[in-house]
Amino acid sequence: MKIEKTMKIGELLEVAPEKAEILLNAGMHCLGCPASQGETIEEACMVHGIDVDELVNMLNA
């Protein structure tokens, strides 16, 4: 499965829970927050000041 920046955080964690560690290491410490579940990877990166393309590359590696 290819992960896209438009994928919702909740969807990503549902299909690939092992990717949570990558998100946490990138600085997204609010994965359990209900609001984060409905955000896209891109939206979450904007909020946390993370380069979305770099993160998506890490998630797909």
N, C-alpha and C. Protein backbone atom coordinates (compact mmCIF):
# COMPACT_ATOMS: atom_id res chain seq x y z
N MET A 1 0.84 -1.18 0.00
CA MET A 1 0.00 0.00 0.00
C MET A 1 0.89 1.24 0.00
N LYS A 2 0.61 2.16 -0.88
CA LYS A 2 1.35 3.42 -0.94
C LYS A 2 0.64 4.45 -0.07
N ILE A 3 1.40 5.04 0.81
CA ILE A 3 0.86 6.06 1.71
C ILE A 3 0.98 7.41 1.02
N GLU A 4 -0.13 8.16 1.03
CA GLU A 4 -0.19 9.48 0.40
C GLU A 4 -0.40 10.53 1.49
N LYS A 5 -0.01 11.77 1.21
CA LYS A 5 -0.17 12.84 2.20
C LYS A 5 -1.63 13.18 2.45
N THR A 6 -2.52 12.75 1.58
CA THR A 6 -3.95 13.02 1.75
C THR A 6 -4.64 11.96 2.61
N MET A 7 -3.90 10.93 3.01
CA MET A 7 -4.46 9.86 3.85
C MET A 7 -4.69 10.41 5.27
N LYS A 8 -5.78 10.04 5.87
CA LYS A 8 -6.08 10.47 7.23
C LYS A 8 -5.22 9.67 8.22
N ILE A 9 -4.83 10.32 9.31
CA ILE A 9 -4.01 9.68 10.33
C ILE A 9 -4.71 8.43 10.88
N GLY A 10 -6.00 8.55 11.15
CA GLY A 10 -6.75 7.41 11.67
C GLY A 10 -6.75 6.23 10.72
N GLU A 11 -6.90 6.51 9.43
CA GLU A 11 -6.88 5.46 8.41
C GLU A 11 -5.50 4.80 8.36
N LEU A 12 -4.45 5.61 8.39
CA LEU A 12 -3.10 5.07 8.36
C LEU A 12 -2.86 4.14 9.54
N LEU A 13 -3.22 4.58 10.74
CA LEU A 13 -2.98 3.77 11.93
C LEU A 13 -3.85 2.52 11.96
N GLU A 14 -4.99 2.57 11.30
CA GLU A 14 -5.87 1.40 11.24
C GLU A 14 -5.26 0.31 10.35
N VAL A 15 -4.72 0.71 9.21
CA VAL A 15 -4.18 -0.28 8.25
C VAL A 15 -2.71 -0.59 8.49
N ALA A 16 -1.99 0.31 9.16
CA ALA A 16 -0.55 0.10 9.38
C ALA A 16 -0.16 0.65 10.75
N PRO A 17 -0.61 0.01 11.83
CA PRO A 17 -0.33 0.53 13.18
C PRO A 17 1.16 0.63 13.50
N GLU A 18 1.97 -0.14 12.82
CA GLU A 18 3.42 -0.09 13.06
C GLU A 18 4.04 1.24 12.62
N LYS A 19 3.32 2.02 11.83
CA LYS A 19 3.81 3.33 11.36
C LYS A 19 3.71 4.40 12.45
N ALA A 20 3.02 4.10 13.55
CA ALA A 20 2.87 5.07 14.64
C ALA A 20 4.23 5.49 15.17
N GLU A 21 5.17 4.58 15.25
CA GLU A 21 6.50 4.91 15.76
C GLU A 21 7.18 5.98 14.91
N ILE A 22 7.01 5.90 13.59
CA ILE A 22 7.59 6.90 12.69
C ILE A 22 6.95 8.26 12.95
N LEU A 23 5.63 8.28 13.11
CA LEU A 23 4.93 9.54 13.38
C LEU A 23 5.37 10.13 14.72
N LEU A 24 5.49 9.29 15.74
CA LEU A 24 5.92 9.76 17.05
C LEU A 24 7.33 10.31 17.00
N ASN A 25 8.23 9.62 16.32
CA ASN A 25 9.62 10.07 16.20
C ASN A 25 9.73 11.38 15.42
N ALA A 26 8.77 11.63 14.54
CA ALA A 26 8.77 12.87 13.75
C ALA A 26 8.24 14.05 14.57
N GLY A 27 7.63 13.78 15.73
CA GLY A 27 7.14 14.86 16.58
C GLY A 27 5.63 14.92 16.72
N MET A 28 4.93 13.94 16.19
CA MET A 28 3.47 13.90 16.32
C MET A 28 3.11 13.07 17.55
N HIS A 29 3.02 13.74 18.69
CA HIS A 29 2.78 13.04 19.95
C HIS A 29 1.31 13.01 20.34
N CYS A 30 0.45 13.41 19.45
CA CYS A 30 -0.98 13.48 19.79
C CYS A 30 -1.79 12.46 18.98
N LEU A 31 -1.20 11.30 18.71
CA LEU A 31 -1.88 10.31 17.87
C LEU A 31 -3.16 9.79 18.49
N GLY A 32 -3.26 9.82 19.81
CA GLY A 32 -4.46 9.35 20.48
C GLY A 32 -5.56 10.38 20.54
N CYS A 33 -5.26 11.60 20.18
CA CYS A 33 -6.23 12.68 20.22
C CYS A 33 -7.32 12.44 19.17
N PRO A 34 -8.58 12.53 19.54
CA PRO A 34 -9.65 12.30 18.56
C PRO A 34 -9.56 13.21 17.33
N ALA A 35 -9.12 14.44 17.51
CA ALA A 35 -9.03 15.36 16.37
C ALA A 35 -7.99 14.89 15.37
N SER A 36 -6.90 14.29 15.85
CA SER A 36 -5.84 13.87 14.93
C SER A 36 -6.30 12.74 14.02
N GLN A 37 -7.25 11.96 14.46
CA GLN A 37 -7.72 10.83 13.67
C GLN A 37 -8.36 11.27 12.36
N GLY A 38 -8.96 12.46 12.36
CA GLY A 38 -9.62 12.97 11.17
C GLY A 38 -8.76 13.87 10.30
N GLU A 39 -7.54 14.16 10.77
CA GLU A 39 -6.62 15.00 9.99
C GLU A 39 -5.88 14.17 8.95
N THR A 40 -5.57 14.80 7.85
CA THR A 40 -4.70 14.13 6.88
C THR A 40 -3.26 14.24 7.36
N ILE A 41 -2.40 13.43 6.80
CA ILE A 41 -0.98 13.50 7.13
C ILE A 41 -0.47 14.91 6.83
N GLU A 42 -0.90 15.46 5.71
CA GLU A 42 -0.47 16.80 5.32
C GLU A 42 -0.91 17.86 6.33
N GLU A 43 -2.15 17.78 6.79
CA GLU A 43 -2.66 18.74 7.77
C GLU A 43 -1.88 18.64 9.08
N ALA A 44 -1.62 17.42 9.52
CA ALA A 44 -0.89 17.21 10.76
C ALA A 44 0.54 17.74 10.64
N CYS A 45 1.15 17.56 9.49
CA CYS A 45 2.50 18.08 9.27
C CYS A 45 2.52 19.60 9.33
N MET A 46 1.51 20.23 8.77
CA MET A 46 1.43 21.69 8.80
C MET A 46 1.35 22.18 10.24
N VAL A 47 0.55 21.53 11.06
CA VAL A 47 0.36 21.93 12.45
C VAL A 47 1.66 21.75 13.24
N HIS A 48 2.40 20.68 12.94
CA HIS A 48 3.60 20.36 13.71
C HIS A 48 4.89 20.87 13.08
N GLY A 49 4.80 21.56 11.94
CA GLY A 49 5.99 22.09 11.29
C GLY A 49 6.91 21.01 10.74
N ILE A 50 6.32 19.96 10.20
CA ILE A 50 7.08 18.83 9.67
C ILE A 50 6.98 18.84 8.15
N ASP A 51 8.07 18.53 7.48
CA ASP A 51 8.10 18.44 6.02
C ASP A 51 7.29 17.21 5.60
N VAL A 52 6.14 17.43 4.96
CA VAL A 52 5.23 16.33 4.62
C VAL A 52 5.84 15.35 3.63
N ASP A 53 6.57 15.86 2.65
CA ASP A 53 7.15 14.96 1.66
C ASP A 53 8.20 14.04 2.29
N GLU A 54 9.00 14.60 3.18
CA GLU A 54 10.02 13.80 3.88
C GLU A 54 9.35 12.72 4.73
N LEU A 55 8.29 13.09 5.46
CA LEU A 55 7.59 12.14 6.30
C LEU A 55 6.94 11.03 5.48
N VAL A 56 6.29 11.40 4.39
CA VAL A 56 5.63 10.40 3.54
C VAL A 56 6.67 9.43 2.97
N ASN A 57 7.84 9.96 2.60
CA ASN A 57 8.91 9.08 2.11
C ASN A 57 9.33 8.09 3.19
N MET A 58 9.45 8.56 4.43
CA MET A 58 9.82 7.66 5.53
C MET A 58 8.73 6.61 5.76
N LEU A 59 7.47 7.02 5.68
CA LEU A 59 6.38 6.08 5.89
C LEU A 59 6.32 5.03 4.79
N ASN A 60 6.72 5.38 3.59
CA ASN A 60 6.69 4.44 2.47
C ASN A 60 7.97 3.60 2.34
N ALA A 61 9.00 3.95 3.10
CA ALA A 61 10.29 3.23 2.99
C ALA A 61 10.16 1.82 3.57
